[in-house]
Amino acid sequence: MVYTPNSARYKNMHYRRCGKSGLMLPAVSLGLWHNFGAIDNLENARAILRLAFDSGITHFDLANNYGPPAGSAEETFGKIFKDDFTSYRDEMVISTKAGWGMWEGPYGDWGSKKYLVASLDQSLKRMGLDYVDIFYHHRPDPHTPLEETMGALDLIVRQGKALYVGISSYSASETEAAIAVLKQLGTPCLIHQPKYSMFDRWVEGGLLDVLGSNGVGCIPFSPLAQGLLTNKYLKGIPEGSRALSHRGNGAMEEDAITDEKIAKVTKLNDIALMRGQNLAQMALAWILKDDRVTSVLIGVSKPEQVTDSIKCLENITFSTDELKLINDILR
């Protein structure tokens, strides 16, 4: 059946300006880190992408190594894009990344110009795109001069292969240095993608301040601590959960779920219920309460999780008492 998007798709989504740029991103974006690989069900992936777009999610985030196997999430996205979304390309923000190991030999990892340019060429081919909207360097490279890595991002924009560039998982000081180099080159850093959740608050130690003062957007990944900040683990580890799947590719391991974490999750869930939210919705809202955050990346395995996640936008304000209770639990 030919896909026709929901005509009311933009009415209920919130859109936020990305730093000081002209680009607006949906407050909730869809990440394809898990559940879009060759081992996953194509029609389920299609249903997720369709519902996301129907709900006003315009930003779809990938990386060269997403799968498994590496590259297959981009291939899956490319198949579905060709079938369903070609006519809507100009309504979509599509991003990808390079920086982790992708192919054998010395040119398929880290941050050299050789690797980044070649990787994006491969990504564009897998997705069937002429360009991506955002291209990220996926992690800092201690071996390659920052000027080379940022110079590669600048080159990619000038070649027309990406409209904007960003970085991921850079520390506050590394981010400040990268922003300065890109500014000098004339291609500003649009956005930073850090890991950030109630259980991983490292960005509060200076990174958010750097981004805010430099007008750079922020789009956290793993805001639900890869499923821990949901109702899934309130009664222990369920059969067939991602923690037990041993997918690789960053799936949460069973030993990450401790009695101490479960106790905190249970207390946080009580606060969420008082707010009229489930735990996942509150965890997403807690990220979005900071106006330095442009968007939050969700990862889902079922279409209905898209709808559930977007409901976080119904209440993204927290009282002083709520914030104190949450901070006391998280100590």
C-alpha atoms as a PDB file:
ATOM      1  CA  MET A   1       0.000   0.000   0.000  1.00  0.00           C
ATOM      2  CA  VAL A   2       1.298   3.475  -0.918  1.00  0.00           C
ATOM      3  CA  TYR A   3       2.221   5.483   2.174  1.00  0.00           C
ATOM      4  CA  THR A   4       0.452   8.804   2.651  1.00  0.00           C
ATOM      5  CA  PRO A   5       1.620  10.743   5.721  1.00  0.00           C
ATOM      6  CA  ASN A   6      -0.761  12.076   8.341  1.00  0.00           C
ATOM      7  CA  SER A   7      -1.832  15.553   7.200  1.00  0.00           C
ATOM      8  CA  ALA A   8      -1.867  16.774  10.824  1.00  0.00           C
ATOM      9  CA  ARG A   9       1.645  15.540  11.595  1.00  0.00           C
ATOM     10  CA  TYR A  10       3.085  18.930  12.559  1.00  0.00           C
ATOM     11  CA  LYS A  11       0.313  20.047  14.913  1.00  0.00           C
ATOM     12  CA  ASN A  12       1.313  18.349  18.150  1.00  0.00           C
ATOM     13  CA  MET A  13       5.102  18.068  17.910  1.00  0.00           C
ATOM     14  CA  HIS A  14       7.265  20.747  19.539  1.00  0.00           C
ATOM     15  CA  TYR A  15      10.169  22.092  17.466  1.00  0.00           C
ATOM     16  CA  ARG A  16      13.245  23.743  18.952  1.00  0.00           C
ATOM     17  CA  ARG A  17      15.913  25.880  17.350  1.00  0.00           C
ATOM     18  CA  CYS A  18      19.274  24.115  17.202  1.00  0.00           C
ATOM     19  CA  GLY A  19      21.654  26.472  18.988  1.00  0.00           C
ATOM     20  CA  LYS A  20      22.019  29.729  17.071  1.00  0.00           C
ATOM     21  CA  SER A  21      21.373  28.096  13.689  1.00  0.00           C
ATOM     22  CA  GLY A  22      18.338  28.376  11.459  1.00  0.00           C
ATOM     23  CA  LEU A  23      17.556  24.670  11.853  1.00  0.00           C
ATOM     24  CA  MET A  24      14.586  23.538  13.936  1.00  0.00           C
ATOM     25  CA  LEU A  25      14.514  19.980  15.254  1.00  0.00           C
ATOM     26  CA  PRO A  26      11.611  18.062  16.785  1.00  0.00           C
ATOM     27  CA  ALA A  27      11.882  17.850  20.574  1.00  0.00           C
ATOM     28  CA  VAL A  28      11.812  14.065  20.131  1.00  0.00           C
ATOM     29  CA  SER A  29      13.962  12.504  17.389  1.00  0.00           C
ATOM     30  CA  LEU A  30      14.235   8.861  16.341  1.00  0.00           C
ATOM     31  CA  GLY A  31      17.539   7.021  16.623  1.00  0.00           C
ATOM     32  CA  LEU A  32      18.169   3.863  14.601  1.00  0.00           C
ATOM     33  CA  TRP A  33      20.930   2.448  16.823  1.00  0.00           C
ATOM     34  CA  HIS A  34      18.951  -0.717  17.581  1.00  0.00           C
ATOM     35  CA  ASN A  35      16.117  -2.636  15.871  1.00  0.00           C
ATOM     36  CA  PHE A  36      16.869  -1.552  12.295  1.00  0.00           C
ATOM     37  CA  GLY A  37      19.659  -3.989  11.428  1.00  0.00           C
ATOM     38  CA  ALA A  38      19.600  -6.935   9.039  1.00  0.00           C
ATOM     39  CA  ILE A  39      18.713  -9.220  11.949  1.00  0.00           C
ATOM     40  CA  ASP A  40      15.525  -7.215  12.597  1.00  0.00           C
ATOM     41  CA  ASN A  41      12.099  -7.277  10.962  1.00  0.00           C
ATOM     42  CA  LEU A  42      11.886  -4.895   7.992  1.00  0.00           C
ATOM     43  CA  GLU A  43       8.125  -4.348   8.221  1.00  0.00           C
ATOM     44  CA  ASN A  44       8.367  -3.514  11.917  1.00  0.00           C
ATOM     45  CA  ALA A  45      11.062  -0.969  11.067  1.00  0.00           C
ATOM     46  CA  ARG A  46       8.804   0.456   8.351  1.00  0.00           C
ATOM     47  CA  ALA A  47       5.881   0.754  10.774  1.00  0.00           C
ATOM     48  CA  ILE A  48       8.087   2.578  13.295  1.00  0.00           C
ATOM     49  CA  LEU A  49       9.393   5.065  10.719  1.00  0.00           C
ATOM     50  CA  ARG A  50       5.935   5.735   9.305  1.00  0.00           C
ATOM     51  CA  LEU A  51       4.404   6.350  12.726  1.00  0.00           C
ATOM     52  CA  ALA A  52       7.318   8.576  13.736  1.00  0.00           C
ATOM     53  CA  PHE A  53       6.882  10.751  10.636  1.00  0.00           C
ATOM     54  CA  ASP A  54       3.106  10.765  11.073  1.00  0.00           C
ATOM     55  CA  SER A  55       3.689  12.071  14.612  1.00  0.00           C
ATOM     56  CA  GLY A  56       5.850  15.019  13.568  1.00  0.00           C
ATOM     57  CA  ILE A  57       9.242  13.398  14.096  1.00  0.00           C
ATOM     58  CA  THR A  58      11.266  14.770  11.210  1.00  0.00           C
ATOM     59  CA  HIS A  59      14.765  13.866  12.413  1.00  0.00           C
ATOM     60  CA  PHE A  60      16.169  10.361  11.896  1.00  0.00           C
ATOM     61  CA  ASP A  61      19.605   9.609  13.327  1.00  0.00           C
ATOM     62  CA  LEU A  62      21.949   6.882  12.050  1.00  0.00           C
ATOM     63  CA  ALA A  63      25.638   5.978  12.007  1.00  0.00           C
ATOM     64  CA  ASN A  64      27.809   3.964   9.658  1.00  0.00           C
ATOM     65  CA  ASN A  65      28.190   1.115  12.172  1.00  0.00           C
ATOM     66  CA  TYR A  66      24.549   0.760  13.268  1.00  0.00           C
ATOM     67  CA  GLY A  67      23.096  -2.694  12.716  1.00  0.00           C
ATOM     68  CA  PRO A  68      24.044  -5.412  13.274  1.00  0.00           C
ATOM     69  CA  PRO A  69      25.862  -6.057  11.053  1.00  0.00           C
ATOM     70  CA  ALA A  70      27.517  -2.670  10.680  1.00  0.00           C
ATOM     71  CA  GLY A  71      25.972  -0.686   7.846  1.00  0.00           C
ATOM     72  CA  SER A  72      22.698  -2.586   7.783  1.00  0.00           C
ATOM     73  CA  ALA A  73      20.651   0.053   9.630  1.00  0.00           C
ATOM     74  CA  GLU A  74      21.514   2.524   6.879  1.00  0.00           C
ATOM     75  CA  GLU A  75      20.571  -0.099   4.289  1.00  0.00           C
ATOM     76  CA  THR A  76      17.231  -0.704   6.017  1.00  0.00           C
ATOM     77  CA  PHE A  77      16.568   3.010   6.207  1.00  0.00           C
ATOM     78  CA  GLY A  78      17.515   3.359   2.541  1.00  0.00           C
ATOM     79  CA  LYS A  79      15.019   0.689   1.460  1.00  0.00           C
ATOM     80  CA  ILE A  80      12.188   2.248   3.442  1.00  0.00           C
ATOM     81  CA  PHE A  81      13.136   5.787   2.374  1.00  0.00           C
ATOM     82  CA  LYS A  82      13.015   4.758  -1.291  1.00  0.00           C
ATOM     83  CA  ASP A  83       9.596   3.126  -0.898  1.00  0.00           C
ATOM     84  CA  ASP A  84       7.899   5.609   1.423  1.00  0.00           C
ATOM     85  CA  PHE A  85       9.728   8.889   1.922  1.00  0.00           C
ATOM     86  CA  THR A  86      11.395   9.969  -1.338  1.00  0.00           C
ATOM     87  CA  SER A  87       8.728  12.599  -1.942  1.00  0.00           C
ATOM     88  CA  TYR A  88       9.204  13.966   1.572  1.00  0.00           C
ATOM     89  CA  ARG A  89      13.001  14.316   1.622  1.00  0.00           C
ATOM     90  CA  ASP A  90      12.821  18.076   2.120  1.00  0.00           C
ATOM     91  CA  GLU A  91      10.680  17.579   5.245  1.00  0.00           C
ATOM     92  CA  MET A  92      13.274  15.284   6.846  1.00  0.00           C
ATOM     93  CA  VAL A  93      16.522  15.804   8.723  1.00  0.00           C
ATOM     94  CA  ILE A  94      18.713  12.729   8.247  1.00  0.00           C
ATOM     95  CA  SER A  95      22.000  12.376  10.103  1.00  0.00           C
ATOM     96  CA  THR A  96      24.804   9.843  10.166  1.00  0.00           C
ATOM     97  CA  LYS A  97      28.216   9.500  11.796  1.00  0.00           C
ATOM     98  CA  ALA A  98      31.668   7.977  11.522  1.00  0.00           C
ATOM     99  CA  GLY A  99      34.381   7.498  14.099  1.00  0.00           C
ATOM    100  CA  TRP A 100      34.171   3.914  15.328  1.00  0.00           C
ATOM    101  CA  GLY A 101      35.610   0.846  13.622  1.00  0.00           C
ATOM    102  CA  MET A 102      33.838   0.159  10.344  1.00  0.00           C
ATOM    103  CA  TRP A 103      36.152  -1.814   8.052  1.00  0.00           C
ATOM    104  CA  GLU A 104      39.468  -3.650   8.230  1.00  0.00           C
ATOM    105  CA  GLY A 105      42.822  -1.932   7.907  1.00  0.00           C
ATOM    106  CA  PRO A 106      44.155   1.457   9.002  1.00  0.00           C
ATOM    107  CA  TYR A 107      41.601   3.609   7.149  1.00  0.00           C
ATOM    108  CA  GLY A 108      38.321   2.379   8.646  1.00  0.00           C
ATOM    109  CA  ASP A 109      38.350   3.860  12.154  1.00  0.00           C
ATOM    110  CA  TRP A 110      38.877   7.022  14.225  1.00  0.00           C
ATOM    111  CA  GLY A 111      39.052  10.499  12.667  1.00  0.00           C
ATOM    112  CA  SER A 112      41.326  10.848   9.661  1.00  0.00           C
ATOM    113  CA  LYS A 113      40.135  12.749   6.611  1.00  0.00           C
ATOM    114  CA  LYS A 114      40.610   9.512   4.623  1.00  0.00           C
ATOM    115  CA  TYR A 115      38.175   7.632   6.862  1.00  0.00           C
ATOM    116  CA  LEU A 116      35.518  10.307   7.318  1.00  0.00           C
ATOM    117  CA  VAL A 117      35.179  11.178   3.628  1.00  0.00           C
ATOM    118  CA  ALA A 118      35.142   7.526   2.537  1.00  0.00           C
ATOM    119  CA  SER A 119      32.682   6.546   5.256  1.00  0.00           C
ATOM    120  CA  LEU A 120      30.174   9.226   4.328  1.00  0.00           C
ATOM    121  CA  ASP A 121      30.399   8.220   0.667  1.00  0.00           C
ATOM    122  CA  GLN A 122      29.534   4.659   1.711  1.00  0.00           C
ATOM    123  CA  SER A 123      26.694   5.859   3.962  1.00  0.00           C
ATOM    124  CA  LEU A 124      25.132   7.931   1.190  1.00  0.00           C
ATOM    125  CA  LYS A 125      25.239   4.933  -1.123  1.00  0.00           C
ATOM    126  CA  ARG A 126      23.631   2.641   1.478  1.00  0.00           C
ATOM    127  CA  MET A 127      20.815   5.126   2.128  1.00  0.00           C
ATOM    128  CA  GLY A 128      20.359   6.188  -1.495  1.00  0.00           C
ATOM    129  CA  LEU A 129      20.835   9.865  -0.636  1.00  0.00           C
ATOM    130  CA  ASP A 130      22.666  12.713  -2.346  1.00  0.00           C
ATOM    131  CA  TYR A 131      23.467  14.346   0.999  1.00  0.00           C
ATOM    132  CA  VAL A 132      22.770  14.090   4.716  1.00  0.00           C
ATOM    133  CA  ASP A 133      21.537  17.019   6.754  1.00  0.00           C
ATOM    134  CA  ILE A 134      23.972  16.431   9.629  1.00  0.00           C
ATOM    135  CA  PHE A 135      27.246  14.505   9.634  1.00  0.00           C
ATOM    136  CA  TYR A 136      28.963  13.815  12.954  1.00  0.00           C
ATOM    137  CA  HIS A 137      32.391  12.770  14.037  1.00  0.00           C
ATOM    138  CA  HIS A 138      31.293   9.969  16.348  1.00  0.00           C
ATOM    139  CA  ARG A 139      34.034  10.154  19.009  1.00  0.00           C
ATOM    140  CA  PRO A 140      37.239  12.112  19.639  1.00  0.00           C
ATOM    141  CA  ASP A 141      40.428  10.700  18.127  1.00  0.00           C
ATOM    142  CA  PRO A 142      43.516  11.022  20.355  1.00  0.00           C
ATOM    143  CA  HIS A 143      45.850  10.188  17.468  1.00  0.00           C
ATOM    144  CA  THR A 144      44.700  12.504  14.674  1.00  0.00           C
ATOM    145  CA  PRO A 145      45.175  16.294  14.890  1.00  0.00           C
ATOM    146  CA  LEU A 146      41.875  17.981  15.641  1.00  0.00           C
ATOM    147  CA  GLU A 147      42.520  20.313  12.702  1.00  0.00           C
ATOM    148  CA  GLU A 148      42.483  17.348  10.314  1.00  0.00           C
ATOM    149  CA  THR A 149      39.263  15.886  11.677  1.00  0.00           C
ATOM    150  CA  MET A 150      37.443  19.217  11.742  1.00  0.00           C
ATOM    151  CA  GLY A 151      38.937  20.041   8.344  1.00  0.00           C
ATOM    152  CA  ALA A 152      37.339  16.872   6.993  1.00  0.00           C
ATOM    153  CA  LEU A 153      33.949  17.981   8.325  1.00  0.00           C
ATOM    154  CA  ASP A 154      34.437  21.381   6.707  1.00  0.00           C
ATOM    155  CA  LEU A 155      35.403  19.713   3.408  1.00  0.00           C
ATOM    156  CA  ILE A 156      32.315  17.477   3.484  1.00  0.00           C
ATOM    157  CA  VAL A 157      30.038  20.513   3.819  1.00  0.00           C
ATOM    158  CA  ARG A 158      31.841  22.335   1.006  1.00  0.00           C
ATOM    159  CA  GLN A 159      31.474  19.224  -1.175  1.00  0.00           C
ATOM    160  CA  GLY A 160      27.703  19.330  -0.625  1.00  0.00           C
ATOM    161  CA  LYS A 161      27.599  15.924   1.059  1.00  0.00           C
ATOM    162  CA  ALA A 162      26.257  17.371   4.341  1.00  0.00           C
ATOM    163  CA  LEU A 163      24.449  20.589   5.191  1.00  0.00           C
ATOM    164  CA  TYR A 164      25.665  20.760   8.788  1.00  0.00           C
ATOM    165  CA  VAL A 165      28.240  19.013  10.969  1.00  0.00           C
ATOM    166  CA  GLY A 166      28.410  17.963  14.586  1.00  0.00           C
ATOM    167  CA  ILE A 167      30.403  15.968  17.092  1.00  0.00           C
ATOM    168  CA  SER A 168      29.526  13.200  19.514  1.00  0.00           C
ATOM    169  CA  SER A 169      30.947  12.148  22.893  1.00  0.00           C
ATOM    170  CA  TYR A 170      33.543  14.941  23.036  1.00  0.00           C
ATOM    171  CA  SER A 171      34.408  16.259  26.517  1.00  0.00           C
ATOM    172  CA  ALA A 172      33.758  19.890  27.406  1.00  0.00           C
ATOM    173  CA  SER A 173      37.338  20.929  26.663  1.00  0.00           C
ATOM    174  CA  GLU A 174      37.494  18.874  23.454  1.00  0.00           C
ATOM    175  CA  THR A 175      34.187  20.393  22.376  1.00  0.00           C
ATOM    176  CA  GLU A 176      35.401  23.926  22.989  1.00  0.00           C
ATOM    177  CA  ALA A 177      38.499  23.252  20.889  1.00  0.00           C
ATOM    178  CA  ALA A 178      36.477  21.658  18.063  1.00  0.00           C
ATOM    179  CA  ILE A 179      34.023  24.560  18.017  1.00  0.00           C
ATOM    180  CA  ALA A 180      36.925  27.015  17.718  1.00  0.00           C
ATOM    181  CA  VAL A 181      38.550  25.159  14.809  1.00  0.00           C
ATOM    182  CA  LEU A 182      35.277  24.816  12.908  1.00  0.00           C
ATOM    183  CA  LYS A 183      34.472  28.497  13.465  1.00  0.00           C
ATOM    184  CA  GLN A 184      37.855  29.454  12.038  1.00  0.00           C
ATOM    185  CA  LEU A 185      37.237  27.236   9.000  1.00  0.00           C
ATOM    186  CA  GLY A 186      33.870  28.871   8.394  1.00  0.00           C
ATOM    187  CA  THR A 187      31.722  25.781   9.022  1.00  0.00           C
ATOM    188  CA  PRO A 188      30.155  26.155  12.474  1.00  0.00           C
ATOM    189  CA  CYS A 189      29.541  23.215  14.772  1.00  0.00           C
ATOM    190  CA  LEU A 190      25.776  22.764  14.689  1.00  0.00           C
ATOM    191  CA  ILE A 191      25.225  20.183  17.414  1.00  0.00           C
ATOM    192  CA  HIS A 192      26.742  17.807  19.949  1.00  0.00           C
ATOM    193  CA  GLN A 193      25.367  14.311  20.626  1.00  0.00           C
ATOM    194  CA  PRO A 194      26.340  13.141  24.130  1.00  0.00           C
ATOM    195  CA  LYS A 195      25.181  10.258  26.265  1.00  0.00           C
ATOM    196  CA  TYR A 196      22.914  11.749  28.930  1.00  0.00           C
ATOM    197  CA  SER A 197      20.310  10.356  31.278  1.00  0.00           C
ATOM    198  CA  MET A 198      19.311  10.514  34.929  1.00  0.00           C
ATOM    199  CA  PHE A 199      21.915   7.810  35.545  1.00  0.00           C
ATOM    200  CA  ASP A 200      24.671   9.403  33.436  1.00  0.00           C
ATOM    201  CA  ARG A 201      24.901  13.150  34.100  1.00  0.00           C
ATOM    202  CA  TRP A 202      28.466  13.868  32.991  1.00  0.00           C
ATOM    203  CA  VAL A 203      27.349  16.616  30.596  1.00  0.00           C
ATOM    204  CA  GLU A 204      26.345  18.743  33.586  1.00  0.00           C
ATOM    205  CA  GLY A 205      30.031  19.013  34.503  1.00  0.00           C
ATOM    206  CA  GLY A 206      30.747  21.688  31.911  1.00  0.00           C
ATOM    207  CA  LEU A 207      29.640  20.425  28.484  1.00  0.00           C
ATOM    208  CA  LEU A 208      26.162  21.965  28.593  1.00  0.00           C
ATOM    209  CA  ASP A 209      27.712  25.288  29.613  1.00  0.00           C
ATOM    210  CA  VAL A 210      30.117  25.151  26.643  1.00  0.00           C
ATOM    211  CA  LEU A 211      27.282  24.364  24.245  1.00  0.00           C
ATOM    212  CA  GLY A 212      25.031  27.056  25.655  1.00  0.00           C
ATOM    213  CA  SER A 213      27.662  29.784  25.579  1.00  0.00           C
ATOM    214  CA  ASN A 214      28.686  28.925  22.008  1.00  0.00           C
ATOM    215  CA  GLY A 215      25.192  28.549  20.557  1.00  0.00           C
ATOM    216  CA  VAL A 216      25.612  24.853  19.745  1.00  0.00           C
ATOM    217  CA  GLY A 217      22.683  22.453  19.949  1.00  0.00           C
ATOM    218  CA  CYS A 218      22.547  19.310  22.079  1.00  0.00           C
ATOM    219  CA  ILE A 219      20.791  16.018  21.303  1.00  0.00           C
ATOM    220  CA  PRO A 220      21.351  13.383  24.005  1.00  0.00           C
ATOM    221  CA  PHE A 221      21.339   9.660  23.237  1.00  0.00           C
ATOM    222  CA  SER A 222      20.436   6.836  25.647  1.00  0.00           C
ATOM    223  CA  PRO A 223      18.109   9.101  27.689  1.00  0.00           C
ATOM    224  CA  LEU A 224      16.410   6.010  29.127  1.00  0.00           C
ATOM    225  CA  ALA A 225      19.727   4.394  30.081  1.00  0.00           C
ATOM    226  CA  GLN A 226      19.040   1.802  27.360  1.00  0.00           C
ATOM    227  CA  GLY A 227      15.746   0.744  28.906  1.00  0.00           C
ATOM    228  CA  LEU A 228      16.628   0.930  32.580  1.00  0.00           C
ATOM    229  CA  LEU A 229      14.571   4.122  33.025  1.00  0.00           C
ATOM    230  CA  THR A 230      11.370   2.399  31.945  1.00  0.00           C
ATOM    231  CA  ASN A 231       8.858   0.151  33.642  1.00  0.00           C
ATOM    232  CA  LYS A 232      10.579  -2.864  32.098  1.00  0.00           C
ATOM    233  CA  TYR A 233      12.904  -3.665  34.997  1.00  0.00           C
ATOM    234  CA  LEU A 234      10.763  -2.728  38.010  1.00  0.00           C
ATOM    235  CA  LYS A 235      10.321  -6.429  38.755  1.00  0.00           C
ATOM    236  CA  GLY A 236      13.745  -7.617  37.623  1.00  0.00           C
ATOM    237  CA  ILE A 237      14.912  -8.657  34.148  1.00  0.00           C
ATOM    238  CA  PRO A 238      12.096  -9.957  31.933  1.00  0.00           C
ATOM    239  CA  GLU A 239      12.654 -12.853  29.569  1.00  0.00           C
ATOM    240  CA  GLY A 240      13.704 -11.757  26.091  1.00  0.00           C
ATOM    241  CA  SER A 241      14.742  -8.271  27.151  1.00  0.00           C
ATOM    242  CA  ARG A 242      17.531  -6.404  25.391  1.00  0.00           C
ATOM    243  CA  ALA A 243      19.759  -6.850  28.427  1.00  0.00           C
ATOM    244  CA  LEU A 244      19.818 -10.584  27.742  1.00  0.00           C
ATOM    245  CA  SER A 245      19.926 -10.449  23.965  1.00  0.00           C
ATOM    246  CA  HIS A 246      23.712 -10.175  23.597  1.00  0.00           C
ATOM    247  CA  ARG A 247      23.198  -8.252  20.347  1.00  0.00           C
ATOM    248  CA  GLY A 248      26.458  -6.422  20.717  1.00  0.00           C
ATOM    249  CA  ASN A 249      26.333  -2.902  19.255  1.00  0.00           C
ATOM    250  CA  GLY A 250      25.933  -1.333  22.682  1.00  0.00           C
ATOM    251  CA  ALA A 251      23.077  -3.438  24.024  1.00  0.00           C
ATOM    252  CA  MET A 252      22.840  -3.261  27.785  1.00  0.00           C
ATOM    253  CA  GLU A 253      24.429  -6.145  29.667  1.00  0.00           C
ATOM    254  CA  GLU A 254      22.650  -7.950  32.489  1.00  0.00           C
ATOM    255  CA  ASP A 255      25.231  -6.865  35.090  1.00  0.00           C
ATOM    256  CA  ALA A 256      24.264  -3.211  34.503  1.00  0.00           C
ATOM    257  CA  ILE A 257      20.978  -3.917  36.286  1.00  0.00           C
ATOM    258  CA  THR A 258      21.818  -3.919  40.005  1.00  0.00           C
ATOM    259  CA  ASP A 259      19.588  -4.024  43.071  1.00  0.00           C
ATOM    260  CA  GLU A 260      20.660  -0.458  43.839  1.00  0.00           C
ATOM    261  CA  LYS A 261      19.619   0.728  40.379  1.00  0.00           C
ATOM    262  CA  ILE A 262      16.275  -1.075  40.604  1.00  0.00           C
ATOM    263  CA  ALA A 263      15.613   0.573  43.990  1.00  0.00           C
ATOM    264  CA  LYS A 264      16.250   4.000  42.461  1.00  0.00           C
ATOM    265  CA  VAL A 265      14.111   3.206  39.439  1.00  0.00           C
ATOM    266  CA  THR A 266      11.245   2.207  41.757  1.00  0.00           C
ATOM    267  CA  LYS A 267      11.422   5.534  43.627  1.00  0.00           C
ATOM    268  CA  LEU A 268      11.653   7.504  40.397  1.00  0.00           C
ATOM    269  CA  ASN A 269       8.623   5.642  39.099  1.00  0.00           C
ATOM    270  CA  ASP A 270       6.638   6.844  42.117  1.00  0.00           C
ATOM    271  CA  ILE A 271       7.453  10.470  41.222  1.00  0.00           C
ATOM    272  CA  ALA A 272       6.515   9.870  37.595  1.00  0.00           C
ATOM    273  CA  LEU A 273       3.124   8.506  38.613  1.00  0.00           C
ATOM    274  CA  MET A 274       2.515  11.591  40.766  1.00  0.00           C
ATOM    275  CA  ARG A 275       3.240  13.703  37.652  1.00  0.00           C
ATOM    276  CA  GLY A 276       0.750  11.704  35.570  1.00  0.00           C
ATOM    277  CA  GLN A 277       3.536  10.123  33.514  1.00  0.00           C
ATOM    278  CA  ASN A 278       5.165   6.762  33.215  1.00  0.00           C
ATOM    279  CA  LEU A 279       8.844   6.490  34.090  1.00  0.00           C
ATOM    280  CA  ALA A 280      10.102   6.702  30.510  1.00  0.00           C
ATOM    281  CA  GLN A 281       8.049   9.830  29.818  1.00  0.00           C
ATOM    282  CA  MET A 282       9.387  11.515  32.941  1.00  0.00           C
ATOM    283  CA  ALA A 283      12.981  10.559  32.091  1.00  0.00           C
ATOM    284  CA  LEU A 284      12.620  12.129  28.636  1.00  0.00           C
ATOM    285  CA  ALA A 285      10.911  15.219  30.049  1.00  0.00           C
ATOM    286  CA  TRP A 286      13.717  15.567  32.615  1.00  0.00           C
ATOM    287  CA  ILE A 287      16.239  15.835  29.755  1.00  0.00           C
ATOM    288  CA  LEU A 288      14.081  18.305  27.827  1.00  0.00           C
ATOM    289  CA  LYS A 289      13.555  20.613  30.812  1.00  0.00           C
ATOM    290  CA  ASP A 290      16.929  22.225  29.989  1.00  0.00           C
ATOM    291  CA  ASP A 291      16.573  24.765  27.181  1.00  0.00           C
ATOM    292  CA  ARG A 292      20.148  24.038  26.076  1.00  0.00           C
ATOM    293  CA  VAL A 293      18.865  20.657  24.883  1.00  0.00           C
ATOM    294  CA  THR A 294      17.486  20.858  21.356  1.00  0.00           C
ATOM    295  CA  SER A 295      16.066  17.364  21.031  1.00  0.00           C
ATOM    296  CA  VAL A 296      16.235  13.959  22.684  1.00  0.00           C
ATOM    297  CA  LEU A 297      16.893  10.728  20.788  1.00  0.00           C
ATOM    298  CA  ILE A 298      14.590   7.823  21.439  1.00  0.00           C
ATOM    299  CA  GLY A 299      15.202   4.231  20.426  1.00  0.00           C
ATOM    300  CA  VAL A 300      12.194   1.963  20.061  1.00  0.00           C
ATOM    301  CA  SER A 301      11.469  -1.644  19.177  1.00  0.00           C
ATOM    302  CA  LYS A 302       7.713  -1.253  18.600  1.00  0.00           C
ATOM    303  CA  PRO A 303       5.616   1.456  16.927  1.00  0.00           C
ATOM    304  CA  GLU A 304       3.551   2.070  20.043  1.00  0.00           C
ATOM    305  CA  GLN A 305       6.707   3.104  21.903  1.00  0.00           C
ATOM    306  CA  VAL A 306       6.942   6.098  19.564  1.00  0.00           C
ATOM    307  CA  THR A 307       3.519   7.321  20.641  1.00  0.00           C
ATOM    308  CA  ASP A 308       4.259   6.633  24.297  1.00  0.00           C
ATOM    309  CA  SER A 309       7.539   8.550  24.174  1.00  0.00           C
ATOM    310  CA  ILE A 310       6.052  11.629  22.515  1.00  0.00           C
ATOM    311  CA  LYS A 311       3.570  11.945  25.376  1.00  0.00           C
ATOM    312  CA  CYS A 312       6.502  13.204  27.466  1.00  0.00           C
ATOM    313  CA  LEU A 313       5.905  16.588  25.798  1.00  0.00           C
ATOM    314  CA  GLU A 314       2.628  16.983  27.670  1.00  0.00           C
ATOM    315  CA  ASN A 315       4.615  17.916  30.798  1.00  0.00           C
ATOM    316  CA  ILE A 316       8.272  18.940  30.589  1.00  0.00           C
ATOM    317  CA  THR A 317       8.289  21.308  33.560  1.00  0.00           C
ATOM    318  CA  PHE A 318       9.403  20.237  37.021  1.00  0.00           C
ATOM    319  CA  SER A 319       8.725  21.895  40.354  1.00  0.00           C
ATOM    320  CA  THR A 320      11.604  22.691  42.694  1.00  0.00           C
ATOM    321  CA  ASP A 321      10.372  19.960  45.026  1.00  0.00           C
ATOM    322  CA  GLU A 322      10.263  17.389  42.232  1.00  0.00           C
ATOM    323  CA  LEU A 323      13.816  18.212  41.171  1.00  0.00           C
ATOM    324  CA  LYS A 324      15.038  17.916  44.745  1.00  0.00           C
ATOM    325  CA  LEU A 325      13.352  14.546  45.190  1.00  0.00           C
ATOM    326  CA  ILE A 326      14.880  13.277  41.944  1.00  0.00           C
ATOM    327  CA  ASN A 327      18.359  14.545  42.838  1.00  0.00           C
ATOM    328  CA  ASP A 328      18.142  12.953  46.280  1.00  0.00           C
ATOM    329  CA  ILE A 329      17.276   9.598  44.675  1.00  0.00           C
ATOM    330  CA  LEU A 330      20.061   9.851  42.119  1.00  0.00           C
ATOM    331  CA  ARG A 331      22.816  10.621  44.655  1.00  0.00           C
END
